Amino acid sequence: MELEQLKYPIGKAQIPEHITKKNIETWISDIERFPHELEFLVKELSDAQLDTPYRDKGWTIRQVIHHSYDSHHNSYTRFKWALTEDKPIIKAYYEERWAELSDSKSGPIMLTIDALKALHAKWVFLLNGLTEKELLKTFIHPDGNKEVSIKENIGIYGWHCQHHYAHIEQLMLRKGWK
């Protein structure tokens, strides 16, 4: 399998220029389902399987699961900043360094899956209550000073859920674990 396909098993995020209500509903549904689908996917894996990288020089399944929480927790905060401030410049973080911390490298995955369930339930409640005006609010990402709308960020994180789910699922299929 090619490196690019291993890195992006569902391709890179493709957010349409014109985001419809249906797009937003689909993405919110993806965010809502992710923790439960992830739990179902990985609940029978052994520690050795959890500590298997999804690609050469890539994160282990365990690190991908913990990264998902770290990333989504940061994203939830970015949504709150965008909703309560005028085009805030968000704080970026070194996800690769976070993935090397002990909680990511060896922490129990159920701590994170439980945290994802709670975070996503709260996040989805927030997203479902947004007005059209709120969906247009933006933040500035310091990497390139890119302005990102809330509706665009919903799409990015709907994709992010599927992206990391596919990393794990594709590895499991290649290894014959599924």
Protein backbone atom coordinates (compact mmCIF):
# COMPACT_ATOMS: atom_id res chain seq x y z
CA MET A 1 0.00 0.00 0.00
CA GLU A 2 1.32 3.47 -0.86
CA LEU A 3 2.39 5.82 1.94
CA GLU A 4 -0.13 8.49 0.89
CA GLN A 5 -2.98 5.96 1.10
CA LEU A 6 -1.76 4.80 4.51
CA LYS A 7 -1.61 8.42 5.73
CA TYR A 8 -4.97 9.39 4.20
CA PRO A 9 -7.06 6.22 3.85
CA ILE A 10 -10.20 8.23 3.02
CA GLY A 11 -8.32 11.03 1.26
CA LYS A 12 -7.71 14.54 2.52
CA ALA A 13 -10.61 16.60 3.83
CA GLN A 14 -12.75 17.98 1.01
CA ILE A 15 -14.88 20.78 2.39
CA PRO A 16 -17.19 22.24 -0.27
CA GLU A 17 -17.08 25.97 -0.93
CA HIS A 18 -20.85 26.13 -0.46
CA ILE A 19 -21.70 24.23 2.74
CA THR A 20 -25.31 23.10 2.90
CA LYS A 21 -27.51 22.30 5.88
CA LYS A 22 -27.35 18.65 4.78
CA ASN A 23 -23.50 18.75 4.87
CA ILE A 24 -23.62 20.09 8.42
CA GLU A 25 -26.17 17.48 9.54
CA THR A 26 -24.03 14.68 8.06
CA TRP A 27 -20.86 15.97 9.70
CA ILE A 28 -22.53 16.39 13.09
CA SER A 29 -23.84 12.83 12.78
CA ASP A 30 -20.29 11.63 12.05
CA ILE A 31 -19.04 13.43 15.17
CA GLU A 32 -21.89 12.02 17.26
CA ARG A 33 -21.32 8.39 16.20
CA PHE A 34 -17.53 8.37 16.35
CA PRO A 35 -16.90 7.46 20.03
CA HIS A 36 -19.36 4.56 19.95
CA GLU A 37 -18.14 3.23 16.59
CA LEU A 38 -14.53 3.55 17.76
CA GLU A 39 -15.30 1.66 20.96
CA PHE A 40 -16.99 -1.14 19.02
CA LEU A 41 -14.04 -1.31 16.60
CA VAL A 42 -11.27 -1.59 19.22
CA LYS A 43 -12.87 -3.15 22.30
CA GLU A 44 -11.53 -6.65 21.63
CA LEU A 45 -7.96 -5.63 20.76
CA SER A 46 -5.08 -6.82 22.94
CA ASP A 47 -2.42 -4.48 24.31
CA ALA A 48 -0.01 -5.79 21.67
CA GLN A 49 -2.53 -4.95 18.94
CA LEU A 50 -3.22 -1.51 20.45
CA ASP A 51 0.52 -0.85 20.39
CA THR A 52 0.81 -1.65 16.67
CA PRO A 53 1.44 1.36 14.40
CA TYR A 54 -1.05 1.84 11.59
CA ARG A 55 1.86 2.53 9.22
CA ASP A 56 5.66 2.60 9.28
CA LYS A 57 6.74 5.54 11.47
CA GLY A 58 3.09 6.20 12.30
CA TRP A 59 1.24 6.25 15.58
CA THR A 60 0.00 3.12 17.27
CA ILE A 61 -3.71 2.43 17.51
CA ARG A 62 -3.49 3.49 21.16
CA GLN A 63 -1.88 6.80 20.20
CA VAL A 64 -4.49 7.42 17.48
CA ILE A 65 -7.29 6.92 20.02
CA HIS A 66 -5.69 9.27 22.56
CA HIS A 67 -4.86 11.78 19.80
CA SER A 68 -8.53 11.81 18.78
CA TYR A 69 -9.52 12.99 22.23
CA ASP A 70 -6.70 15.55 22.43
CA SER A 71 -7.58 16.96 19.02
CA HIS A 72 -11.33 17.02 19.59
CA HIS A 73 -10.93 18.58 23.04
CA ASN A 74 -8.85 21.36 21.45
CA SER A 75 -11.40 21.75 18.67
CA TYR A 76 -14.31 22.04 21.09
CA THR A 77 -12.45 24.88 22.82
CA ARG A 78 -11.85 26.55 19.45
CA PHE A 79 -15.58 26.45 18.74
CA LYS A 80 -16.23 28.14 22.08
CA TRP A 81 -13.63 30.83 21.37
CA ALA A 82 -15.12 31.51 17.93
CA LEU A 83 -18.60 31.79 19.42
CA THR A 84 -17.59 34.14 22.23
CA GLU A 85 -14.84 36.27 20.68
CA ASP A 86 -14.40 38.23 17.45
CA LYS A 87 -12.20 36.16 15.11
CA PRO A 88 -9.89 34.88 17.85
CA ILE A 89 -6.44 33.61 17.00
CA ILE A 90 -6.55 30.08 18.34
CA LYS A 91 -3.77 28.28 20.14
CA ALA A 92 -2.14 25.57 18.05
CA TYR A 93 -0.53 22.60 19.77
CA TYR A 94 2.18 20.09 18.89
CA GLU A 95 0.05 16.99 18.36
CA GLU A 96 3.09 14.84 17.60
CA ARG A 97 4.61 15.80 20.99
CA TRP A 98 1.34 15.14 22.80
CA ALA A 99 1.25 11.67 21.18
CA GLU A 100 4.62 10.91 22.78
CA LEU A 101 3.44 11.61 26.34
CA SER A 102 2.90 8.65 28.64
CA ASP A 103 -0.89 8.95 28.67
CA SER A 104 -0.90 8.62 24.88
CA LYS A 105 1.73 5.89 24.63
CA SER A 106 0.52 3.63 27.42
CA GLY A 107 -2.75 4.95 28.86
CA PRO A 108 -5.85 2.76 28.97
CA ILE A 109 -7.97 3.42 25.90
CA MET A 110 -11.25 3.19 27.80
CA LEU A 111 -10.36 6.35 29.74
CA THR A 112 -10.19 8.16 26.43
CA ILE A 113 -13.18 6.47 24.84
CA ASP A 114 -15.30 7.40 27.87
CA ALA A 115 -13.96 10.96 27.67
CA LEU A 116 -14.74 11.05 23.92
CA LYS A 117 -18.32 9.93 24.61
CA ALA A 118 -18.85 12.76 27.09
CA LEU A 119 -17.05 15.37 24.99
CA HIS A 120 -18.86 14.42 21.79
CA ALA A 121 -22.27 14.41 23.50
CA LYS A 122 -21.64 17.96 24.76
CA TRP A 123 -20.11 19.05 21.45
CA VAL A 124 -23.03 17.71 19.41
CA PHE A 125 -25.51 19.41 21.75
CA LEU A 126 -23.67 22.70 21.14
CA LEU A 127 -23.46 22.18 17.37
CA ASN A 128 -27.13 21.28 17.01
CA GLY A 129 -28.11 24.52 18.75
CA LEU A 130 -26.10 26.87 16.53
CA THR A 131 -27.86 29.52 14.48
CA GLU A 132 -26.97 30.31 10.87
CA LYS A 133 -25.25 33.47 12.12
CA GLU A 134 -23.18 31.45 14.62
CA LEU A 135 -22.20 28.92 11.94
CA LEU A 136 -20.59 31.81 10.02
CA LYS A 137 -18.41 32.93 12.95
CA THR A 138 -14.70 32.30 12.47
CA PHE A 139 -11.38 31.83 14.18
CA ILE A 140 -7.87 32.38 12.87
CA HIS A 141 -5.55 29.39 12.77
CA PRO A 142 -1.96 30.57 13.35
CA ASP A 143 -0.62 28.06 10.82
CA GLY A 144 -0.86 30.29 7.76
CA ASN A 145 -3.26 32.75 9.45
CA LYS A 146 -6.16 30.90 7.81
CA GLU A 147 -9.63 32.06 8.78
CA VAL A 148 -11.86 29.05 9.48
CA SER A 149 -15.64 29.24 9.89
CA ILE A 150 -17.48 27.16 12.44
CA LYS A 151 -19.38 25.38 9.67
CA GLU A 152 -16.11 24.56 7.88
CA ASN A 153 -14.61 23.29 11.13
CA ILE A 154 -17.59 20.99 11.66
CA GLY A 155 -16.70 19.43 8.30
CA ILE A 156 -13.04 19.16 9.18
CA TYR A 157 -13.86 17.28 12.39
CA GLY A 158 -16.49 15.08 10.77
CA TRP A 159 -13.69 14.10 8.38
CA HIS A 160 -11.17 13.78 11.24
CA CYS A 161 -13.37 11.18 12.95
CA GLN A 162 -13.63 9.09 9.79
CA HIS A 163 -9.94 9.61 8.98
CA HIS A 164 -8.66 8.09 12.23
CA TYR A 165 -11.33 5.41 12.33
CA ALA A 166 -10.10 4.34 8.88
CA HIS A 167 -6.47 4.29 10.07
CA ILE A 168 -7.40 1.73 12.70
CA GLU A 169 -9.88 -0.24 10.61
CA GLN A 170 -7.52 -0.53 7.63
CA LEU A 171 -4.70 -1.80 9.86
CA MET A 172 -7.07 -4.35 11.41
CA LEU A 173 -8.12 -5.54 7.96
CA ARG A 174 -4.51 -5.79 6.75
CA LYS A 175 -3.58 -7.78 9.86
CA GLY A 176 -6.66 -10.01 9.67
CA TRP A 177 -7.96 -8.79 13.04
CA LYS A 178 -11.37 -7.89 11.64
